Amino acid sequence: MTSKSPAHFDLDDLNARTAPEACETMAEVRDGVDRMDRALVALIAERSRYMQAAARIKPSRDVVRDEERIEDVVTKVLKAAEPAGLPAEIAEPVWRELVEQSIAYEFKVWDKTR
Protein backbone atom coordinates (compact mmCIF):
# COMPACT_ATOMS: atom_id res chain seq x y z
CA MET A 1 0.00 0.00 0.00
CA THR A 2 1.38 3.42 -0.91
CA SER A 3 0.61 6.65 0.85
CA LYS A 4 -0.27 9.83 -0.94
CA SER A 5 2.83 11.94 -1.37
CA PRO A 6 2.93 15.42 0.20
CA ALA A 7 3.25 17.21 -3.15
CA HIS A 8 1.23 15.24 -5.65
CA PHE A 9 1.33 15.46 -9.39
CA ASP A 10 -1.83 17.24 -10.52
CA LEU A 11 -2.60 15.83 -13.96
CA ASP A 12 -5.76 17.91 -14.29
CA ASP A 13 -3.76 21.12 -13.76
CA LEU A 14 -1.15 20.01 -16.29
CA ASN A 15 -3.77 18.98 -18.84
CA ALA A 16 -5.45 22.39 -18.60
CA ARG A 17 -2.49 24.05 -20.34
CA THR A 18 -2.51 25.15 -23.95
CA ALA A 19 -0.13 23.06 -26.08
CA PRO A 20 3.00 25.02 -27.04
CA GLU A 21 2.15 24.75 -30.74
CA ALA A 22 -1.32 26.22 -30.08
CA CYS A 23 -0.19 29.20 -27.98
CA GLU A 24 -1.07 32.55 -29.50
CA THR A 25 -0.27 34.84 -26.57
CA MET A 26 2.50 35.22 -24.03
CA ALA A 27 -0.14 34.71 -21.33
CA GLU A 28 -0.79 31.22 -22.71
CA VAL A 29 2.95 30.50 -22.91
CA ARG A 30 3.48 31.67 -19.31
CA ASP A 31 0.49 29.72 -18.04
CA GLY A 32 1.81 26.59 -19.75
CA VAL A 33 5.27 27.08 -18.27
CA ASP A 34 3.79 27.66 -14.79
CA ARG A 35 1.69 24.50 -15.05
CA MET A 36 4.72 22.51 -16.24
CA ASP A 37 6.80 23.91 -13.37
CA ARG A 38 4.21 22.83 -10.80
CA ALA A 39 4.25 19.33 -12.28
CA LEU A 40 8.05 19.24 -12.29
CA VAL A 41 8.18 20.37 -8.65
CA ALA A 42 5.87 17.52 -7.64
CA LEU A 43 7.92 14.99 -9.59
CA ILE A 44 11.24 16.25 -8.25
CA ALA A 45 9.80 16.22 -4.72
CA GLU A 46 8.95 12.55 -5.15
CA ARG A 47 12.40 11.90 -6.62
CA SER A 48 13.92 13.47 -3.49
CA ARG A 49 11.95 11.05 -1.35
CA TYR A 50 13.74 8.25 -3.20
CA MET A 51 16.99 9.90 -2.09
CA GLN A 52 15.69 9.75 1.48
CA ALA A 53 14.98 6.05 0.98
CA ALA A 54 18.45 5.50 -0.45
CA ALA A 55 20.01 7.24 2.56
CA ARG A 56 17.99 4.98 4.84
CA ILE A 57 18.94 1.82 2.95
CA LYS A 58 22.61 2.35 2.10
CA PRO A 59 24.81 0.71 4.73
CA SER A 60 27.64 3.26 4.74
CA ARG A 61 28.31 6.85 3.78
CA ASP A 62 31.02 5.86 1.31
CA VAL A 63 28.43 4.26 -1.00
CA VAL A 64 26.23 7.35 -1.25
CA ARG A 65 28.13 8.65 -4.28
CA ASP A 66 28.24 6.04 -7.06
CA GLU A 67 29.97 7.26 -10.23
CA GLU A 68 28.82 4.26 -12.25
CA ARG A 69 25.19 4.92 -11.27
CA ILE A 70 25.55 8.62 -12.15
CA GLU A 71 26.64 7.75 -15.69
CA ASP A 72 23.88 5.14 -15.93
CA VAL A 73 21.25 7.74 -14.98
CA VAL A 74 22.56 10.30 -17.48
CA THR A 75 22.76 7.69 -20.25
CA LYS A 76 19.15 6.64 -19.63
CA VAL A 77 17.97 10.24 -19.55
CA LEU A 78 19.71 11.04 -22.83
CA LYS A 79 18.17 7.95 -24.41
CA ALA A 80 14.71 9.06 -23.25
CA ALA A 81 15.31 12.71 -24.15
CA GLU A 82 15.91 12.15 -27.85
CA PRO A 83 12.53 10.64 -28.78
CA ALA A 84 10.80 13.13 -26.46
CA GLY A 85 12.34 16.00 -28.40
CA LEU A 86 14.45 17.27 -25.49
CA PRO A 87 17.83 18.48 -26.78
CA ALA A 88 20.82 16.77 -25.14
CA GLU A 89 22.26 20.27 -24.56
CA ILE A 90 19.44 20.84 -22.07
CA ALA A 91 18.94 17.32 -20.73
CA GLU A 92 22.51 16.43 -19.81
CA PRO A 93 23.47 19.50 -17.74
CA VAL A 94 20.06 19.64 -16.07
CA TRP A 95 20.24 15.99 -15.00
CA ARG A 96 23.87 16.19 -13.96
CA GLU A 97 22.97 19.10 -11.68
CA LEU A 98 19.87 17.31 -10.42
CA VAL A 99 21.98 14.25 -9.62
CA GLU A 100 24.66 16.33 -7.86
CA GLN A 101 22.07 18.11 -5.73
CA SER A 102 20.35 14.80 -5.02
CA ILE A 103 23.64 13.29 -3.85
CA ALA A 104 24.30 16.29 -1.61
CA TYR A 105 20.81 15.90 -0.15
CA GLU A 106 21.30 12.18 0.34
CA PHE A 107 24.56 12.85 2.23
CA LYS A 108 22.71 15.34 4.44
CA VAL A 109 19.94 12.85 5.18
CA TRP A 110 22.42 10.03 5.74
CA ASP A 111 24.39 12.13 8.24
CA LYS A 112 21.27 13.31 10.02
CA THR A 113 19.86 9.82 10.46
CA ARG A 114 23.04 8.12 11.68
C-alpha atoms as a PDB file:
ATOM      1  CA  MET A   1       0.000   0.000   0.000  1.00  0.00           C
ATOM      2  CA  THR A   2       1.380   3.419  -0.913  1.00  0.00           C
ATOM      3  CA  SER A   3       0.614   6.650   0.850  1.00  0.00           C
ATOM      4  CA  LYS A   4      -0.271   9.826  -0.943  1.00  0.00           C
ATOM      5  CA  SER A   5       2.827  11.939  -1.373  1.00  0.00           C
ATOM      6  CA  PRO A   6       2.928  15.418   0.196  1.00  0.00           C
ATOM      7  CA  ALA A   7       3.253  17.211  -3.155  1.00  0.00           C
ATOM      8  CA  HIS A   8       1.226  15.238  -5.649  1.00  0.00           C
ATOM      9  CA  PHE A   9       1.330  15.460  -9.394  1.00  0.00           C
ATOM     10  CA  ASP A  10      -1.833  17.237 -10.525  1.00  0.00           C
ATOM     11  CA  LEU A  11      -2.599  15.828 -13.956  1.00  0.00           C
ATOM     12  CA  ASP A  12      -5.762  17.914 -14.294  1.00  0.00           C
ATOM     13  CA  ASP A  13      -3.758  21.115 -13.757  1.00  0.00           C
ATOM     14  CA  LEU A  14      -1.147  20.012 -16.289  1.00  0.00           C
ATOM     15  CA  ASN A  15      -3.768  18.977 -18.842  1.00  0.00           C
ATOM     16  CA  ALA A  16      -5.449  22.394 -18.601  1.00  0.00           C
ATOM     17  CA  ARG A  17      -2.486  24.051 -20.341  1.00  0.00           C
ATOM     18  CA  THR A  18      -2.508  25.147 -23.952  1.00  0.00           C
ATOM     19  CA  ALA A  19      -0.133  23.059 -26.077  1.00  0.00           C
ATOM     20  CA  PRO A  20       3.003  25.015 -27.037  1.00  0.00           C
ATOM     21  CA  GLU A  21       2.149  24.753 -30.738  1.00  0.00           C
ATOM     22  CA  ALA A  22      -1.318  26.219 -30.085  1.00  0.00           C
ATOM     23  CA  CYS A  23      -0.187  29.199 -27.979  1.00  0.00           C
ATOM     24  CA  GLU A  24      -1.066  32.548 -29.505  1.00  0.00           C
ATOM     25  CA  THR A  25      -0.270  34.843 -26.575  1.00  0.00           C
ATOM     26  CA  MET A  26       2.498  35.217 -24.029  1.00  0.00           C
ATOM     27  CA  ALA A  27      -0.143  34.709 -21.331  1.00  0.00           C
ATOM     28  CA  GLU A  28      -0.788  31.218 -22.714  1.00  0.00           C
ATOM     29  CA  VAL A  29       2.954  30.504 -22.907  1.00  0.00           C
ATOM     30  CA  ARG A  30       3.485  31.670 -19.311  1.00  0.00           C
ATOM     31  CA  ASP A  31       0.493  29.724 -18.042  1.00  0.00           C
ATOM     32  CA  GLY A  32       1.809  26.590 -19.748  1.00  0.00           C
ATOM     33  CA  VAL A  33       5.267  27.085 -18.267  1.00  0.00           C
ATOM     34  CA  ASP A  34       3.795  27.664 -14.790  1.00  0.00           C
ATOM     35  CA  ARG A  35       1.695  24.499 -15.046  1.00  0.00           C
ATOM     36  CA  MET A  36       4.718  22.508 -16.239  1.00  0.00           C
ATOM     37  CA  ASP A  37       6.802  23.912 -13.373  1.00  0.00           C
ATOM     38  CA  ARG A  38       4.210  22.829 -10.798  1.00  0.00           C
ATOM     39  CA  ALA A  39       4.251  19.325 -12.277  1.00  0.00           C
ATOM     40  CA  LEU A  40       8.046  19.240 -12.295  1.00  0.00           C
ATOM     41  CA  VAL A  41       8.179  20.367  -8.648  1.00  0.00           C
ATOM     42  CA  ALA A  42       5.871  17.524  -7.641  1.00  0.00           C
ATOM     43  CA  LEU A  43       7.916  14.988  -9.588  1.00  0.00           C
ATOM     44  CA  ILE A  44      11.244  16.247  -8.251  1.00  0.00           C
ATOM     45  CA  ALA A  45       9.802  16.220  -4.724  1.00  0.00           C
ATOM     46  CA  GLU A  46       8.949  12.548  -5.152  1.00  0.00           C
ATOM     47  CA  ARG A  47      12.404  11.897  -6.619  1.00  0.00           C
ATOM     48  CA  SER A  48      13.922  13.474  -3.495  1.00  0.00           C
ATOM     49  CA  ARG A  49      11.952  11.051  -1.350  1.00  0.00           C
ATOM     50  CA  TYR A  50      13.743   8.252  -3.200  1.00  0.00           C
ATOM     51  CA  MET A  51      16.991   9.897  -2.093  1.00  0.00           C
ATOM     52  CA  GLN A  52      15.689   9.747   1.484  1.00  0.00           C
ATOM     53  CA  ALA A  53      14.979   6.050   0.984  1.00  0.00           C
ATOM     54  CA  ALA A  54      18.455   5.503  -0.454  1.00  0.00           C
ATOM     55  CA  ALA A  55      20.014   7.239   2.562  1.00  0.00           C
ATOM     56  CA  ARG A  56      17.988   4.978   4.836  1.00  0.00           C
ATOM     57  CA  ILE A  57      18.940   1.816   2.946  1.00  0.00           C
ATOM     58  CA  LYS A  58      22.611   2.349   2.098  1.00  0.00           C
ATOM     59  CA  PRO A  59      24.808   0.712   4.732  1.00  0.00           C
ATOM     60  CA  SER A  60      27.638   3.257   4.742  1.00  0.00           C
ATOM     61  CA  ARG A  61      28.310   6.852   3.782  1.00  0.00           C
ATOM     62  CA  ASP A  62      31.023   5.865   1.307  1.00  0.00           C
ATOM     63  CA  VAL A  63      28.434   4.257  -1.001  1.00  0.00           C
ATOM     64  CA  VAL A  64      26.228   7.350  -1.249  1.00  0.00           C
ATOM     65  CA  ARG A  65      28.126   8.649  -4.284  1.00  0.00           C
ATOM     66  CA  ASP A  66      28.243   6.041  -7.056  1.00  0.00           C
ATOM     67  CA  GLU A  67      29.970   7.262 -10.233  1.00  0.00           C
ATOM     68  CA  GLU A  68      28.819   4.257 -12.255  1.00  0.00           C
ATOM     69  CA  ARG A  69      25.191   4.921 -11.274  1.00  0.00           C
ATOM     70  CA  ILE A  70      25.549   8.623 -12.152  1.00  0.00           C
ATOM     71  CA  GLU A  71      26.635   7.753 -15.686  1.00  0.00           C
ATOM     72  CA  ASP A  72      23.879   5.138 -15.932  1.00  0.00           C
ATOM     73  CA  VAL A  73      21.249   7.736 -14.981  1.00  0.00           C
ATOM     74  CA  VAL A  74      22.562  10.301 -17.479  1.00  0.00           C
ATOM     75  CA  THR A  75      22.756   7.693 -20.246  1.00  0.00           C
ATOM     76  CA  LYS A  76      19.154   6.635 -19.627  1.00  0.00           C
ATOM     77  CA  VAL A  77      17.969  10.239 -19.547  1.00  0.00           C
ATOM     78  CA  LEU A  78      19.709  11.043 -22.830  1.00  0.00           C
ATOM     79  CA  LYS A  79      18.174   7.955 -24.409  1.00  0.00           C
ATOM     80  CA  ALA A  80      14.707   9.061 -23.252  1.00  0.00           C
ATOM     81  CA  ALA A  81      15.312  12.710 -24.154  1.00  0.00           C
ATOM     82  CA  GLU A  82      15.908  12.150 -27.850  1.00  0.00           C
ATOM     83  CA  PRO A  83      12.527  10.644 -28.784  1.00  0.00           C
ATOM     84  CA  ALA A  84      10.800  13.126 -26.459  1.00  0.00           C
ATOM     85  CA  GLY A  85      12.338  16.000 -28.401  1.00  0.00           C
ATOM     86  CA  LEU A  86      14.453  17.272 -25.493  1.00  0.00           C
ATOM     87  CA  PRO A  87      17.826  18.477 -26.777  1.00  0.00           C
ATOM     88  CA  ALA A  88      20.815  16.773 -25.139  1.00  0.00           C
ATOM     89  CA  GLU A  89      22.259  20.269 -24.560  1.00  0.00           C
ATOM     90  CA  ILE A  90      19.439  20.839 -22.075  1.00  0.00           C
ATOM     91  CA  ALA A  91      18.941  17.317 -20.728  1.00  0.00           C
ATOM     92  CA  GLU A  92      22.507  16.432 -19.805  1.00  0.00           C
ATOM     93  CA  PRO A  93      23.472  19.497 -17.745  1.00  0.00           C
ATOM     94  CA  VAL A  94      20.061  19.640 -16.068  1.00  0.00           C
ATOM     95  CA  TRP A  95      20.239  15.991 -15.005  1.00  0.00           C
ATOM     96  CA  ARG A  96      23.868  16.187 -13.958  1.00  0.00           C
ATOM     97  CA  GLU A  97      22.974  19.103 -11.680  1.00  0.00           C
ATOM     98  CA  LEU A  98      19.870  17.306 -10.421  1.00  0.00           C
ATOM     99  CA  VAL A  99      21.984  14.245  -9.624  1.00  0.00           C
ATOM    100  CA  GLU A 100      24.655  16.325  -7.858  1.00  0.00           C
ATOM    101  CA  GLN A 101      22.071  18.114  -5.734  1.00  0.00           C
ATOM    102  CA  SER A 102      20.351  14.796  -5.021  1.00  0.00           C
ATOM    103  CA  ILE A 103      23.636  13.289  -3.845  1.00  0.00           C
ATOM    104  CA  ALA A 104      24.305  16.292  -1.608  1.00  0.00           C
ATOM    105  CA  TYR A 105      20.810  15.899  -0.152  1.00  0.00           C
ATOM    106  CA  GLU A 106      21.302  12.176   0.345  1.00  0.00           C
ATOM    107  CA  PHE A 107      24.555  12.853   2.231  1.00  0.00           C
ATOM    108  CA  LYS A 108      22.705  15.344   4.444  1.00  0.00           C
ATOM    109  CA  VAL A 109      19.936  12.846   5.180  1.00  0.00           C
ATOM    110  CA  TRP A 110      22.417  10.028   5.743  1.00  0.00           C
ATOM    111  CA  ASP A 111      24.392  12.135   8.235  1.00  0.00           C
ATOM    112  CA  LYS A 112      21.265  13.314  10.018  1.00  0.00           C
ATOM    113  CA  THR A 113      19.858   9.816  10.463  1.00  0.00           C
ATOM    114  CA  ARG A 114      23.044   8.117  11.684  1.00  0.00           C
END
